[in-house]
Amino acid sequence: MKCPYCNQETRPGYINTGRNRMLFSTKDRWHTVVNPDDIVIRKQWHKTTPSFYCQNCNIIITKLNKDE
């Protein structure tokens, strides 16, 4: 996959989760209790999410799986 920012090739991989769900939040916090404005990346425990890493931009691109 090409990076949408710099158009360089990305490295495929996975985001791994442990005990708790993984989510995107507008606030930096230690817990994973879901607030209404959060975006849940992974609901289930001990799962992986396919992702792509751009070494040039130092970003990870992940498609959310809304079916989980």
N, C-alpha and C. Protein backbone atom coordinates (compact mmCIF):
# COMPACT_ATOMS: atom_id res chain seq x y z
N MET A 1 0.85 -1.17 0.00
CA MET A 1 0.00 0.00 0.00
C MET A 1 0.90 1.24 0.00
N LYS A 2 0.49 2.23 -0.76
CA LYS A 2 1.21 3.50 -0.81
C LYS A 2 0.69 4.43 0.29
N CYS A 3 1.59 5.17 0.92
CA CYS A 3 1.21 6.14 1.95
C CYS A 3 0.44 7.29 1.28
N PRO A 4 -0.72 7.66 1.83
CA PRO A 4 -1.49 8.75 1.23
C PRO A 4 -0.85 10.13 1.44
N TYR A 5 0.16 10.22 2.28
CA TYR A 5 0.81 11.50 2.57
C TYR A 5 2.05 11.73 1.70
N CYS A 6 2.89 10.71 1.55
CA CYS A 6 4.15 10.89 0.81
C CYS A 6 4.26 10.01 -0.43
N ASN A 7 3.31 9.10 -0.62
CA ASN A 7 3.25 8.19 -1.77
C ASN A 7 4.37 7.16 -1.79
N GLN A 8 5.05 6.94 -0.66
CA GLN A 8 6.07 5.90 -0.56
C GLN A 8 5.39 4.59 -0.15
N GLU A 9 6.06 3.48 -0.42
CA GLU A 9 5.51 2.17 -0.05
C GLU A 9 5.51 2.02 1.47
N THR A 10 4.41 1.48 2.02
CA THR A 10 4.31 1.24 3.46
C THR A 10 4.67 -0.21 3.78
N ARG A 11 4.90 -0.48 5.05
CA ARG A 11 5.23 -1.82 5.51
C ARG A 11 3.99 -2.42 6.17
N PRO A 12 3.48 -3.56 5.68
CA PRO A 12 2.30 -4.17 6.30
C PRO A 12 2.65 -4.77 7.66
N GLY A 13 1.68 -4.76 8.55
CA GLY A 13 1.85 -5.34 9.88
C GLY A 13 0.53 -5.35 10.62
N TYR A 14 0.58 -5.36 11.94
CA TYR A 14 -0.62 -5.46 12.76
C TYR A 14 -0.50 -4.59 13.99
N ILE A 15 -1.63 -4.06 14.44
CA ILE A 15 -1.71 -3.46 15.76
C ILE A 15 -2.27 -4.55 16.66
N ASN A 16 -1.56 -4.83 17.74
CA ASN A 16 -1.98 -5.89 18.66
C ASN A 16 -2.59 -5.29 19.91
N THR A 17 -3.61 -5.93 20.41
CA THR A 17 -4.24 -5.49 21.66
C THR A 17 -4.04 -6.55 22.72
N GLY A 18 -4.06 -6.13 23.95
CA GLY A 18 -3.90 -7.05 25.06
C GLY A 18 -5.20 -7.28 25.79
N ARG A 19 -5.24 -6.90 27.04
CA ARG A 19 -6.41 -7.17 27.87
C ARG A 19 -7.62 -6.32 27.53
N ASN A 20 -7.41 -5.06 27.19
CA ASN A 20 -8.54 -4.16 26.99
C ASN A 20 -8.72 -3.82 25.53
N ARG A 21 -9.87 -3.22 25.26
CA ARG A 21 -10.14 -2.77 23.89
C ARG A 21 -9.16 -1.66 23.53
N MET A 22 -9.07 -1.38 22.26
CA MET A 22 -8.22 -0.30 21.80
C MET A 22 -9.12 0.75 21.16
N LEU A 23 -8.87 2.02 21.47
CA LEU A 23 -9.70 3.07 20.92
C LEU A 23 -8.92 4.34 20.69
N PHE A 24 -9.48 5.20 19.83
CA PHE A 24 -8.94 6.53 19.60
C PHE A 24 -9.78 7.50 20.40
N SER A 25 -9.12 8.37 21.14
CA SER A 25 -9.82 9.34 21.97
C SER A 25 -9.19 10.71 21.78
N THR A 26 -9.97 11.74 21.96
CA THR A 26 -9.43 13.10 21.87
C THR A 26 -8.71 13.50 23.15
N LYS A 27 -8.78 12.65 24.18
CA LYS A 27 -8.12 12.93 25.46
C LYS A 27 -7.10 11.84 25.77
N ASP A 28 -5.99 12.22 26.39
CA ASP A 28 -4.97 11.28 26.81
C ASP A 28 -5.39 10.72 28.16
N ARG A 29 -5.68 9.43 28.22
CA ARG A 29 -6.13 8.83 29.47
C ARG A 29 -5.66 7.38 29.54
N TRP A 30 -5.66 6.82 30.73
CA TRP A 30 -5.13 5.48 30.92
C TRP A 30 -6.19 4.40 30.77
N HIS A 31 -7.46 4.71 30.92
CA HIS A 31 -8.49 3.67 30.86
C HIS A 31 -9.08 3.56 29.46
N THR A 32 -9.78 2.46 29.20
CA THR A 32 -10.40 2.25 27.89
C THR A 32 -11.92 2.16 27.99
N VAL A 33 -12.50 2.87 28.94
CA VAL A 33 -13.96 2.99 29.00
C VAL A 33 -14.36 3.88 27.84
N VAL A 34 -15.30 3.42 27.02
CA VAL A 34 -15.65 4.12 25.79
C VAL A 34 -16.56 5.31 26.09
N ASN A 35 -16.11 6.48 25.65
CA ASN A 35 -16.92 7.70 25.71
C ASN A 35 -17.62 7.88 24.37
N PRO A 36 -18.70 8.66 24.31
CA PRO A 36 -19.46 8.80 23.07
C PRO A 36 -18.66 9.30 21.87
N ASP A 37 -17.64 10.11 22.08
CA ASP A 37 -16.87 10.64 20.95
C ASP A 37 -15.64 9.80 20.61
N ASP A 38 -15.44 8.66 21.25
CA ASP A 38 -14.32 7.77 20.97
C ASP A 38 -14.57 6.97 19.71
N ILE A 39 -13.49 6.55 19.07
CA ILE A 39 -13.57 5.64 17.93
C ILE A 39 -12.92 4.33 18.36
N VAL A 40 -13.69 3.26 18.39
CA VAL A 40 -13.19 1.96 18.82
C VAL A 40 -12.43 1.32 17.66
N ILE A 41 -11.17 1.00 17.89
CA ILE A 41 -10.35 0.34 16.88
C ILE A 41 -10.57 -1.17 16.96
N ARG A 42 -10.63 -1.69 18.16
CA ARG A 42 -10.83 -3.13 18.35
C ARG A 42 -11.64 -3.34 19.61
N LYS A 43 -12.74 -4.09 19.51
CA LYS A 43 -13.60 -4.34 20.66
C LYS A 43 -13.15 -5.55 21.47
N GLN A 44 -12.73 -6.59 20.78
CA GLN A 44 -12.41 -7.84 21.46
C GLN A 44 -10.99 -7.82 22.00
N TRP A 45 -10.77 -8.61 23.03
CA TRP A 45 -9.46 -8.72 23.64
C TRP A 45 -8.58 -9.67 22.84
N HIS A 46 -7.31 -9.49 22.93
CA HIS A 46 -6.30 -10.37 22.34
C HIS A 46 -6.53 -10.58 20.85
N LYS A 47 -6.68 -9.49 20.13
CA LYS A 47 -6.88 -9.54 18.69
C LYS A 47 -5.83 -8.68 18.00
N THR A 48 -5.72 -8.82 16.71
CA THR A 48 -4.83 -7.98 15.92
C THR A 48 -5.64 -7.25 14.86
N THR A 49 -5.14 -6.11 14.43
CA THR A 49 -5.77 -5.32 13.39
C THR A 49 -4.74 -5.09 12.29
N PRO A 50 -5.03 -5.53 11.04
CA PRO A 50 -4.09 -5.28 9.96
C PRO A 50 -3.85 -3.77 9.79
N SER A 51 -2.59 -3.40 9.62
CA SER A 51 -2.21 -2.00 9.53
C SER A 51 -1.02 -1.85 8.60
N PHE A 52 -0.71 -0.60 8.27
CA PHE A 52 0.42 -0.29 7.41
C PHE A 52 1.23 0.84 8.04
N TYR A 53 2.55 0.69 8.05
CA TYR A 53 3.44 1.68 8.66
C TYR A 53 4.26 2.38 7.58
N CYS A 54 4.26 3.71 7.61
CA CYS A 54 5.10 4.49 6.71
C CYS A 54 6.30 4.98 7.51
N GLN A 55 7.45 4.48 7.16
CA GLN A 55 8.68 4.86 7.86
C GLN A 55 9.05 6.31 7.56
N ASN A 56 8.73 6.78 6.37
CA ASN A 56 9.06 8.15 5.99
C ASN A 56 8.26 9.17 6.80
N CYS A 57 6.95 8.92 6.98
CA CYS A 57 6.07 9.85 7.72
C CYS A 57 5.93 9.49 9.19
N ASN A 58 6.37 8.28 9.56
CA ASN A 58 6.25 7.76 10.92
C ASN A 58 4.80 7.71 11.38
N ILE A 59 3.94 7.16 10.50
CA ILE A 59 2.51 7.01 10.83
C ILE A 59 2.08 5.57 10.56
N ILE A 60 1.01 5.18 11.24
CA ILE A 60 0.40 3.88 11.04
C ILE A 60 -1.01 4.11 10.50
N ILE A 61 -1.35 3.40 9.44
CA ILE A 61 -2.66 3.51 8.81
C ILE A 61 -3.41 2.22 9.10
N THR A 62 -4.62 2.36 9.65
CA THR A 62 -5.44 1.21 10.04
C THR A 62 -6.86 1.41 9.56
N LYS A 63 -7.43 0.36 8.98
CA LYS A 63 -8.84 0.39 8.62
C LYS A 63 -9.64 -0.20 9.77
N LEU A 64 -10.66 0.51 10.23
CA LEU A 64 -11.48 0.03 11.34
C LEU A 64 -12.40 -1.07 10.87
N ASN A 65 -12.62 -2.08 11.73
CA ASN A 65 -13.53 -3.17 11.44
C ASN A 65 -14.79 -2.95 12.26
N LYS A 66 -15.80 -2.35 11.68
CA LYS A 66 -17.03 -1.99 12.40
C LYS A 66 -17.89 -3.20 12.73
N ASP A 67 -17.59 -4.38 12.15
CA ASP A 67 -18.42 -5.56 12.39
C ASP A 67 -18.11 -6.28 13.68
N GLU A 68 -17.05 -5.88 14.38
CA GLU A 68 -16.68 -6.60 15.60
C GLU A 68 -17.31 -5.99 16.81
